[in-house]
Structures are given as structure tokens and as C-alpha cells.
C-alpha atoms as a PDB file:
ATOM      1  CA  UNK A   1     -30.560   3.715  60.101  1.00  0.00           C
ATOM      2  CA  UNK A   2     -26.725   2.575  60.520  1.00  0.00           C
ATOM      3  CA  UNK A   3     -25.975   4.747  64.243  1.00  0.00           C
ATOM      4  CA  UNK A   4     -22.564   5.523  62.631  1.00  0.00           C
ATOM      5  CA  UNK A   5     -23.941   7.350  59.739  1.00  0.00           C
ATOM      6  CA  UNK A   6     -26.726   8.804  61.868  1.00  0.00           C
ATOM      7  CA  UNK A   7     -23.308  10.183  64.236  1.00  0.00           C
ATOM      8  CA  UNK A   8     -21.736  11.518  61.244  1.00  0.00           C
ATOM      9  CA  UNK A   9     -25.226  13.616  59.715  1.00  0.00           C
ATOM     10  CA  UNK A  10     -25.783  15.266  63.371  1.00  0.00           C
ATOM     11  CA  UNK A  11     -22.413  16.377  64.037  1.00  0.00           C
ATOM     12  CA  UNK A  12     -22.429  17.486  60.296  1.00  0.00           C
ATOM     13  CA  UNK A  13     -26.009  19.285  60.993  1.00  0.00           C
ATOM     14  CA  UNK A  14     -24.777  20.795  64.333  1.00  0.00           C
ATOM     15  CA  UNK A  15     -21.655  21.931  62.781  1.00  0.00           C
ATOM     16  CA  UNK A  16     -23.452  23.825  59.696  1.00  0.00           C
ATOM     17  CA  UNK A  17     -25.798  25.695  62.728  1.00  0.00           C
ATOM     18  CA  UNK A  18     -23.343  26.819  64.336  1.00  0.00           C
ATOM     19  CA  UNK A  19     -21.518  28.346  62.135  1.00  0.00           C
ATOM     20  CA  UNK A  20     -23.915  29.830  60.122  1.00  0.00           C
ATOM     21  CA  UNK A  21     -25.375  31.179  63.585  1.00  0.00           C
ATOM     22  CA  UNK A  22     -22.473  32.905  63.960  1.00  0.00           C
ATOM     23  CA  UNK A  23     -21.852  34.340  60.767  1.00  0.00           C
ATOM     24  CA  UNK A  24     -25.235  35.670  60.342  1.00  0.00           C
ATOM     25  CA  UNK A  25     -24.962  37.580  63.719  1.00  0.00           C
ATOM     26  CA  UNK A  26     -21.499  38.698  63.008  1.00  0.00           C
ATOM     27  CA  UNK A  27     -21.336  39.833  59.817  1.00  0.00           C
ATOM     28  CA  UNK A  28     -24.768  40.274  58.099  1.00  0.00           C
ATOM     29  CA  UNK A  29     -26.913  42.110  60.454  1.00  0.00           C
ATOM     30  CA  UNK A  30     -29.126  44.231  58.202  1.00  0.00           C
ATOM     31  CA  UNK A  31     -31.164  40.800  57.745  1.00  0.00           C
ATOM     32  CA  UNK A  32     -33.897  40.390  60.184  1.00  0.00           C
ATOM     33  CA  UNK A  33     -33.847  37.822  62.615  1.00  0.00           C
ATOM     34  CA  UNK A  34     -36.952  36.036  61.267  1.00  0.00           C
ATOM     35  CA  UNK A  35     -34.875  35.372  57.971  1.00  0.00           C
ATOM     36  CA  UNK A  36     -31.852  34.453  59.893  1.00  0.00           C
ATOM     37  CA  UNK A  37     -33.737  31.652  61.379  1.00  0.00           C
ATOM     38  CA  UNK A  38     -35.245  30.382  58.382  1.00  0.00           C
ATOM     39  CA  UNK A  39     -31.890  30.246  56.524  1.00  0.00           C
ATOM     40  CA  UNK A  40     -30.389  28.739  59.658  1.00  0.00           C
ATOM     41  CA  UNK A  41     -33.113  25.968  59.376  1.00  0.00           C
ATOM     42  CA  UNK A  42     -33.135  25.252  55.737  1.00  0.00           C
ATOM     43  CA  UNK A  43     -29.085  25.183  55.901  1.00  0.00           C
ATOM     44  CA  UNK A  44     -29.210  22.731  58.861  1.00  0.00           C
ATOM     45  CA  UNK A  45     -31.812  20.422  56.977  1.00  0.00           C
ATOM     46  CA  UNK A  46     -29.881  20.782  53.359  1.00  0.00           C
ATOM     47  CA  UNK A  47     -26.736  19.662  55.192  1.00  0.00           C
ATOM     48  CA  UNK A  48     -28.547  17.008  56.840  1.00  0.00           C
ATOM     49  CA  UNK A  49     -29.820  15.566  53.601  1.00  0.00           C
ATOM     50  CA  UNK A  50     -26.411  16.167  51.777  1.00  0.00           C
ATOM     51  CA  UNK A  51     -24.743  13.817  54.440  1.00  0.00           C
ATOM     52  CA  UNK A  52     -26.994  11.334  54.016  1.00  0.00           C
ATOM     53  CA  UNK A  53     -26.414  11.040  50.139  1.00  0.00           C
ATOM     54  CA  UNK A  54     -22.524  11.405  50.681  1.00  0.00           C
ATOM     55  CA  UNK A  55     -22.507   8.625  54.117  1.00  0.00           C
ATOM     56  CA  UNK A  56     -22.631   4.896  52.535  1.00  0.00           C
ATOM     57  CA  UNK A  57     -25.371   3.442  54.026  1.00  0.00           C
ATOM     58  CA  UNK A  58     -22.924  -0.413  54.998  1.00  0.00           C
ATOM     59  CA  UNK A  59     -20.042   0.139  56.581  1.00  0.00           C
ATOM     60  CA  UNK A  60     -17.160  -0.487  53.954  1.00  0.00           C
ATOM     61  CA  UNK A  61     -16.034  -3.756  55.681  1.00  0.00           C
ATOM     62  CA  UNK A  62     -19.326  -5.234  55.225  1.00  0.00           C
ATOM     63  CA  UNK A  63     -19.779  -4.455  51.647  1.00  0.00           C
ATOM     64  CA  UNK A  64     -15.884  -5.800  51.484  1.00  0.00           C
ATOM     65  CA  UNK A  65     -17.163  -9.326  53.198  1.00  0.00           C
ATOM     66  CA  UNK A  66     -20.270  -9.729  50.824  1.00  0.00           C
ATOM     67  CA  UNK A  67     -18.220  -9.291  47.980  1.00  0.00           C
ATOM     68  CA  UNK A  68     -15.572 -11.992  49.009  1.00  0.00           C
ATOM     69  CA  UNK A  69     -18.010 -14.547  50.351  1.00  0.00           C
ATOM     70  CA  UNK A  70     -19.967 -14.395  46.919  1.00  0.00           C
ATOM     71  CA  UNK A  71     -16.649 -15.262  45.322  1.00  0.00           C
ATOM     72  CA  UNK A  72     -15.666 -17.782  47.896  1.00  0.00           C
ATOM     73  CA  UNK A  73     -19.019 -19.704  46.621  1.00  0.00           C
ATOM     74  CA  UNK A  74     -18.373 -19.436  43.320  1.00  0.00           C
ATOM     75  CA  UNK A  75     -20.611 -16.488  42.104  1.00  0.00           C
END
């Protein structure tokens, strides 16, 4: 996996984990602790899958260079 893509995915997962932890601890005191942990883990994994789908696998510059190379070769 591309290192740049992996960095974006990890950053988004950490951000979701921290924000969901803060929200659950400050706003939702009535939720049991084991449910909070399951919610945080689920939200973190879902954000990682979602970010993996959103961020492109190839760098945009690489895509453009491949496309222009085909035009130069007459394809």
C-alpha cells in the first residue's frame, strides 16, 4: 500500500478515535463502558475502511503521466 495513502488513513482513524472517545466520555455518561469501547472500535474501523475507499490508490501525477504516455505512443 502506498505510504502516503496509509498515512491519511491512519490519521483519519486516530482522529475519529480521539473525537469519539471525548464525545462519549463527556456527553453520554449513561452508556456503559464496554459499549463505549465497542462504539469507539467500530467507528475507528469504519472510518479506516471509508478513508481507504476515498483516497486514491495512485498518486494523481502518476495517473496523468500514464495517460499522456499512451497519447505519445499513438494509443
